[in-house]
């Protein structure tokens, strides 16, 4: 996703910085991710200036701040840090910080990621303490209002719609896949579990068949929605950010509901750590935390419908 945004014709990134990131991806398999969320600010999508500050120096910039949920930080080669300048009229944007994390360079990882699910993502907290970068690594700085839809150019609005659509498709596919893994497990469970009181597999019960059918319907709807969105993006007609939000709400909600139904069928077996369904449930619940969150999606949809 980061590479796609950087490769757009209307990108704000300087060509030299973009090429450096791309070259390292090809030659080293180097990874890049955005560091945006902060303890005080929360998600930047809710507004407000970041607490991470970039101070201009004679030879570049120095960054100070703290970021949460830095997914993949143990393996990142590049950090796209969301920060504000210390200028009288602050600008906000992306500063490219070379990794890997190294306390000697002022980049310290606090290994405190202890989440309900997706525990292998390494989304630890990261502290930036007087981290120097060259001037050309201030790759996309704008006035705060220029980041809002009202102040953005049409090119930026189109780029945001494209980026949002792909992000939703990829996240939706991730959580849909988690639900499908849970579906595979519960199908095998009900086909092989044969309680002595029944004398036949659970799959022979109409109630079980109905619930399996409901899960299949939820996942079929997800597939149709994701396939349609992907086709529209590939054709150069991505959904609007509002429609992308509704897609995310629906697909992740269906995925969560699918695993919940599987748990209803499995009972205690499904909640045991000896079985993978417990992990699938923890993982699929994380679909709710990604931007945009459900409340923002539904408020925007409601306002649009009532306009």
Protein backbone atom coordinates (compact mmCIF):
# COMPACT_ATOMS: atom_id res chain seq x y z
CA UNK A 1 0.00 0.00 0.00
CA UNK A 2 2.80 2.41 0.85
CA UNK A 3 4.59 1.67 -2.43
CA UNK A 4 1.38 2.11 -4.43
CA UNK A 5 0.74 5.54 -2.94
CA UNK A 6 4.32 6.61 -3.61
CA UNK A 7 4.19 5.43 -7.23
CA UNK A 8 1.17 7.52 -8.23
CA UNK A 9 1.84 10.20 -10.84
CA UNK A 10 0.42 12.83 -8.49
CA UNK A 11 2.47 11.82 -5.46
CA UNK A 12 3.98 14.59 -3.33
CA UNK A 13 7.05 12.50 -2.55
CA UNK A 14 10.39 13.70 -4.02
CA UNK A 15 11.54 11.34 -6.79
CA UNK A 16 14.92 10.66 -5.14
CA UNK A 17 13.39 9.52 -1.84
CA UNK A 18 10.83 7.40 -3.66
CA UNK A 19 13.51 5.74 -5.76
CA UNK A 20 15.61 4.99 -2.68
CA UNK A 21 12.70 3.19 -1.02
CA UNK A 22 11.87 1.27 -4.19
CA UNK A 23 15.49 0.27 -4.82
CA UNK A 24 15.84 -1.08 -1.29
CA UNK A 25 12.62 -3.05 -1.68
CA UNK A 26 13.99 -4.73 -4.80
CA UNK A 27 17.56 -5.30 -3.61
CA UNK A 28 16.95 -6.03 0.08
CA UNK A 29 13.27 -6.84 0.40
CA UNK A 30 13.05 -3.70 2.55
CA UNK A 31 9.69 -3.00 4.18
CA UNK A 32 8.03 0.35 4.89
CA UNK A 33 5.06 1.23 7.06
CA UNK A 34 3.38 4.35 8.38
CA UNK A 35 3.73 5.34 12.04
CA UNK A 36 0.70 7.53 12.79
CA UNK A 37 -1.16 6.73 16.03
CA UNK A 38 -0.05 8.44 19.26
CA UNK A 39 -0.94 8.11 22.97
CA UNK A 40 -2.49 11.59 23.20
CA UNK A 41 -3.69 12.11 19.63
CA UNK A 42 -5.16 8.68 19.02
CA UNK A 43 -5.90 8.00 15.37
CA UNK A 44 -5.08 10.95 13.06
CA UNK A 45 -8.31 10.23 11.20
CA UNK A 46 -10.15 11.83 14.13
CA UNK A 47 -8.35 15.15 13.60
CA UNK A 48 -5.84 17.13 15.64
CA UNK A 49 -2.15 17.88 15.30
CA UNK A 50 0.31 15.09 16.05
CA UNK A 51 2.44 15.34 19.16
CA UNK A 52 5.50 14.13 17.25
CA UNK A 53 7.50 17.24 16.34
CA UNK A 54 10.09 17.79 13.61
CA UNK A 55 12.55 20.60 14.31
CA UNK A 56 14.38 22.18 11.38
CA UNK A 57 18.16 22.24 11.71
CA UNK A 58 20.97 23.51 9.51
CA UNK A 59 21.46 20.05 8.00
CA UNK A 60 17.98 18.52 8.07
CA UNK A 61 15.31 17.69 10.64
CA UNK A 62 15.23 16.20 14.13
CA UNK A 63 12.20 14.25 15.28
CA UNK A 64 10.86 13.77 18.79
CA UNK A 65 7.76 11.76 19.62
CA UNK A 66 6.09 8.47 20.47
CA UNK A 67 4.04 6.24 18.19
CA UNK A 68 1.67 3.39 19.02
CA UNK A 69 0.70 0.28 17.03
CA UNK A 70 3.75 0.35 14.76
CA UNK A 71 2.94 -2.81 12.83
CA UNK A 72 5.99 -4.78 11.78
CA UNK A 73 8.42 -2.44 13.54
CA UNK A 74 11.00 -5.19 14.28
CA UNK A 75 11.40 -5.75 10.53
CA UNK A 76 10.87 -2.29 9.04
CA UNK A 77 13.61 -0.69 6.95
CA UNK A 78 11.70 2.59 6.50
CA UNK A 79 9.37 4.45 8.85
CA UNK A 80 6.89 6.92 7.34
CA UNK A 81 6.34 9.08 10.43
CA UNK A 82 3.33 11.40 10.76
CA UNK A 83 4.53 14.57 12.49
CA UNK A 84 4.21 18.34 12.62
CA UNK A 85 6.87 20.99 12.24
CA UNK A 86 7.79 23.45 15.01
CA UNK A 87 7.30 26.41 12.65
CA UNK A 88 5.14 29.39 13.73
CA UNK A 89 2.51 28.06 11.34
CA UNK A 90 2.99 24.31 11.69
CA UNK A 91 2.91 22.05 8.70
CA UNK A 92 1.88 18.42 9.03
CA UNK A 93 2.90 15.40 7.04
CA UNK A 94 5.22 12.49 6.43
CA UNK A 95 8.88 12.28 7.39
CA UNK A 96 10.84 9.34 6.04
CA UNK A 97 13.01 7.81 8.75
CA UNK A 98 15.50 5.10 7.75
CA UNK A 99 15.41 2.00 9.92
CA UNK A 100 15.92 -0.40 11.40
CA UNK A 101 15.11 0.70 14.93
CA UNK A 102 18.32 1.46 16.80
CA UNK A 103 18.56 3.18 20.22
CA UNK A 104 21.95 4.57 19.21
CA UNK A 105 20.18 6.58 16.49
CA UNK A 106 17.33 7.58 18.80
CA UNK A 107 14.80 4.98 17.57
CA UNK A 108 13.72 2.83 20.50
CA UNK A 109 11.12 0.07 20.38
CA UNK A 110 9.05 -0.58 23.52
CA UNK A 111 7.95 -4.20 23.14
CA UNK A 112 4.54 -3.80 24.73
CA UNK A 113 2.29 -5.25 22.00
CA UNK A 114 0.08 -7.62 24.01
CA UNK A 115 -3.13 -7.53 22.02
CA UNK A 116 -6.23 -9.70 21.90
CA UNK A 117 -5.36 -10.92 18.42
CA UNK A 118 -2.83 -10.62 15.59
CA UNK A 119 -0.12 -11.03 18.19
CA UNK A 120 2.55 -11.93 15.64
CA UNK A 121 2.28 -8.52 13.91
CA UNK A 122 4.90 -6.96 16.20
CA UNK A 123 2.92 -3.72 16.52
CA UNK A 124 5.02 -2.33 19.32
CA UNK A 125 5.33 1.24 20.56
CA UNK A 126 8.18 3.27 19.07
CA UNK A 127 9.97 6.25 20.64
CA UNK A 128 11.77 8.82 18.48
CA UNK A 129 14.33 10.74 20.51
CA UNK A 130 16.18 13.44 18.56
CA UNK A 131 16.26 11.34 15.37
CA UNK A 132 18.09 13.12 12.55
CA UNK A 133 17.01 12.87 8.91
CA UNK A 134 18.27 14.82 5.86
CA UNK A 135 16.14 17.69 4.51
CA UNK A 136 14.87 15.73 1.50
CA UNK A 137 13.26 13.16 3.81
CA UNK A 138 10.50 15.60 4.70
CA UNK A 139 8.62 13.92 1.89
CA UNK A 140 5.09 15.32 2.12
CA UNK A 141 4.43 18.45 4.21
CA UNK A 142 1.25 20.52 3.97
CA UNK A 143 -0.74 22.95 6.05
CA UNK A 144 -3.23 21.05 8.26
CA UNK A 145 -6.24 22.25 6.28
CA UNK A 146 -4.72 20.89 3.08
CA UNK A 147 -5.10 17.37 4.48
CA UNK A 148 -8.87 17.79 4.84
CA UNK A 149 -11.32 17.10 1.99
CA UNK A 150 -12.33 20.77 1.94
CA UNK A 151 -8.75 21.96 1.45
CA UNK A 152 -7.40 19.17 -0.74
CA UNK A 153 -6.90 19.36 -4.49
CA UNK A 154 -8.95 17.10 -6.76
CA UNK A 155 -5.83 15.04 -7.41
CA UNK A 156 -5.38 14.50 -3.67
CA UNK A 157 -9.07 13.61 -3.27
CA UNK A 158 -8.78 11.04 -6.07
CA UNK A 159 -5.58 9.63 -4.57
CA UNK A 160 -7.23 9.30 -1.17
CA UNK A 161 -10.23 7.49 -2.66
CA UNK A 162 -7.92 5.05 -4.48
CA UNK A 163 -5.79 4.46 -1.38
CA UNK A 164 -8.81 4.05 0.88
CA UNK A 165 -10.43 1.58 -1.49
CA UNK A 166 -7.35 -0.63 -1.74
CA UNK A 167 -6.80 -0.49 2.01
CA UNK A 168 -10.37 -1.62 2.64
CA UNK A 169 -10.11 -4.42 0.07
CA UNK A 170 -6.86 -5.70 1.59
CA UNK A 171 -8.07 -5.45 5.19
CA UNK A 172 -11.41 -6.95 4.26
CA UNK A 173 -9.68 -9.83 2.51
CA UNK A 174 -7.51 -10.42 5.56
CA UNK A 175 -10.41 -10.72 7.98
CA UNK A 176 -12.54 -12.61 5.49
CA UNK A 177 -9.70 -15.13 5.23
CA UNK A 178 -9.61 -15.49 9.02
CA UNK A 179 -13.36 -16.22 8.97
CA UNK A 180 -12.89 -18.76 6.18
CA UNK A 181 -10.24 -20.54 8.23
CA UNK A 182 -12.75 -20.71 11.07
CA UNK A 183 -15.38 -22.01 8.65
CA UNK A 184 -13.05 -24.78 7.47
CA UNK A 185 -12.45 -25.82 11.07
CA UNK A 186 -16.11 -25.88 12.12
CA UNK A 187 -17.13 -27.85 9.02
CA UNK A 188 -14.57 -30.51 9.85
CA UNK A 189 -15.63 -30.45 13.51
CA UNK A 190 -19.35 -31.02 12.89
CA UNK A 191 -18.64 -33.68 10.29
CA UNK A 192 -16.40 -35.70 12.60
CA UNK A 193 -17.86 -34.97 16.05
CA UNK A 194 -20.42 -37.66 16.86
CA UNK A 195 -21.73 -37.48 20.45
CA UNK A 196 -22.77 -40.84 21.90
CA UNK A 197 -26.23 -39.45 22.65
CA UNK A 198 -26.75 -38.65 18.97
CA UNK A 199 -25.09 -41.65 17.40
CA UNK A 200 -24.24 -39.63 14.28
CA UNK A 201 -22.10 -36.60 13.36
CA UNK A 202 -23.37 -33.18 14.39
CA UNK A 203 -23.59 -32.31 10.72
CA UNK A 204 -26.70 -34.47 10.40
CA UNK A 205 -28.72 -32.07 12.60
CA UNK A 206 -30.89 -29.52 10.73
CA UNK A 207 -29.99 -26.79 13.23
CA UNK A 208 -26.28 -27.33 12.51
CA UNK A 209 -26.92 -27.39 8.77
CA UNK A 210 -28.84 -24.12 9.03
CA UNK A 211 -26.02 -22.40 10.94
CA UNK A 212 -23.40 -23.67 8.49
CA UNK A 213 -25.58 -22.31 5.70
CA UNK A 214 -25.77 -18.91 7.42
CA UNK A 215 -21.98 -18.78 7.68
CA UNK A 216 -21.69 -19.72 4.01
CA UNK A 217 -24.10 -16.90 3.09
CA UNK A 218 -22.06 -14.32 5.03
CA UNK A 219 -18.84 -15.40 3.35
CA UNK A 220 -20.44 -15.50 -0.09
CA UNK A 221 -21.62 -11.92 0.38
CA UNK A 222 -18.09 -10.93 1.38
CA UNK A 223 -16.62 -12.52 -1.72
CA UNK A 224 -19.08 -10.75 -4.01
CA UNK A 225 -18.44 -7.37 -2.36
CA UNK A 226 -14.65 -7.72 -2.42
CA UNK A 227 -14.59 -8.97 -6.02
CA UNK A 228 -16.80 -6.07 -7.14
CA UNK A 229 -14.67 -3.47 -5.36
CA UNK A 230 -11.45 -4.92 -6.77
CA UNK A 231 -12.84 -4.87 -10.31
CA UNK A 232 -13.95 -1.25 -9.94
CA UNK A 233 -10.55 -0.15 -8.64
CA UNK A 234 -8.70 -1.99 -11.39
CA UNK A 235 -10.96 -0.29 -13.95
CA UNK A 236 -10.00 3.12 -12.57
CA UNK A 237 -13.32 3.75 -10.84
CA UNK A 238 -12.70 3.16 -7.14
CA UNK A 239 -15.57 3.44 -4.67
CA UNK A 240 -15.91 6.73 -2.85
CA UNK A 241 -14.37 6.84 0.65
CA UNK A 242 -17.89 6.63 2.05
CA UNK A 243 -18.66 3.49 0.05
CA UNK A 244 -15.29 2.01 0.95
CA UNK A 245 -16.12 2.59 4.62
CA UNK A 246 -19.42 0.76 4.25
CA UNK A 247 -17.60 -2.08 2.51
CA UNK A 248 -15.20 -2.36 5.43
CA UNK A 249 -18.07 -2.24 7.94
CA UNK A 250 -19.99 -4.96 6.12
CA UNK A 251 -17.13 -7.34 5.31
CA UNK A 252 -15.49 -7.22 8.74
CA UNK A 253 -18.90 -7.44 10.42
CA UNK A 254 -19.79 -10.51 8.35
CA UNK A 255 -16.43 -12.09 9.18
CA UNK A 256 -16.91 -11.54 12.91
CA UNK A 257 -20.48 -12.86 12.78
CA UNK A 258 -19.32 -15.94 10.85
CA UNK A 259 -16.79 -16.90 13.51
CA UNK A 260 -19.29 -16.16 16.29
CA UNK A 261 -21.71 -18.61 14.67
CA UNK A 262 -18.96 -21.19 14.43
CA UNK A 263 -18.30 -20.76 18.14
CA UNK A 264 -21.97 -21.28 18.91
CA UNK A 265 -21.78 -24.65 17.20
CA UNK A 266 -18.47 -25.65 18.75
CA UNK A 267 -19.28 -24.67 22.34
CA UNK A 268 -16.44 -25.21 24.80
CA UNK A 269 -14.33 -26.90 22.14
CA UNK A 270 -14.21 -23.68 20.12
CA UNK A 271 -13.04 -21.60 23.07
CA UNK A 272 -10.24 -23.96 24.00
CA UNK A 273 -6.73 -22.85 23.15
CA UNK A 274 -6.14 -26.40 21.98
CA UNK A 275 -8.24 -25.61 18.90
CA UNK A 276 -7.54 -22.90 16.30
CA UNK A 277 -11.07 -21.46 16.36
CA UNK A 278 -10.24 -19.61 19.59
CA UNK A 279 -7.35 -17.86 17.81
CA UNK A 280 -9.45 -17.12 14.73
CA UNK A 281 -12.02 -15.43 16.96
CA UNK A 282 -9.41 -13.27 18.67
CA UNK A 283 -7.90 -12.33 15.33
CA UNK A 284 -11.16 -11.53 13.55
CA UNK A 285 -12.27 -9.17 16.34
CA UNK A 286 -9.31 -6.92 15.46
CA UNK A 287 -11.13 -5.95 12.27
CA UNK A 288 -13.06 -3.37 14.26
CA UNK A 289 -10.05 -1.29 15.27
CA UNK A 290 -8.79 -0.25 11.83
CA UNK A 291 -9.53 3.21 10.47
CA UNK A 292 -12.23 4.10 9.70
CA UNK A 293 -14.00 2.74 12.78
CA UNK A 294 -17.63 1.67 12.67
CA UNK A 295 -19.06 4.77 14.34
CA UNK A 296 -17.36 7.13 11.88
CA UNK A 297 -18.47 4.98 8.93
CA UNK A 298 -22.12 4.89 9.98
CA UNK A 299 -22.33 8.57 10.95
CA UNK A 300 -20.93 9.56 7.54
CA UNK A 301 -23.32 7.16 5.77
CA UNK A 302 -26.27 8.46 7.75
CA UNK A 303 -25.46 12.08 7.00
CA UNK A 304 -25.06 11.29 3.31
CA UNK A 305 -28.39 9.43 3.23
CA UNK A 306 -30.18 12.30 4.97
CA UNK A 307 -28.62 15.10 2.91
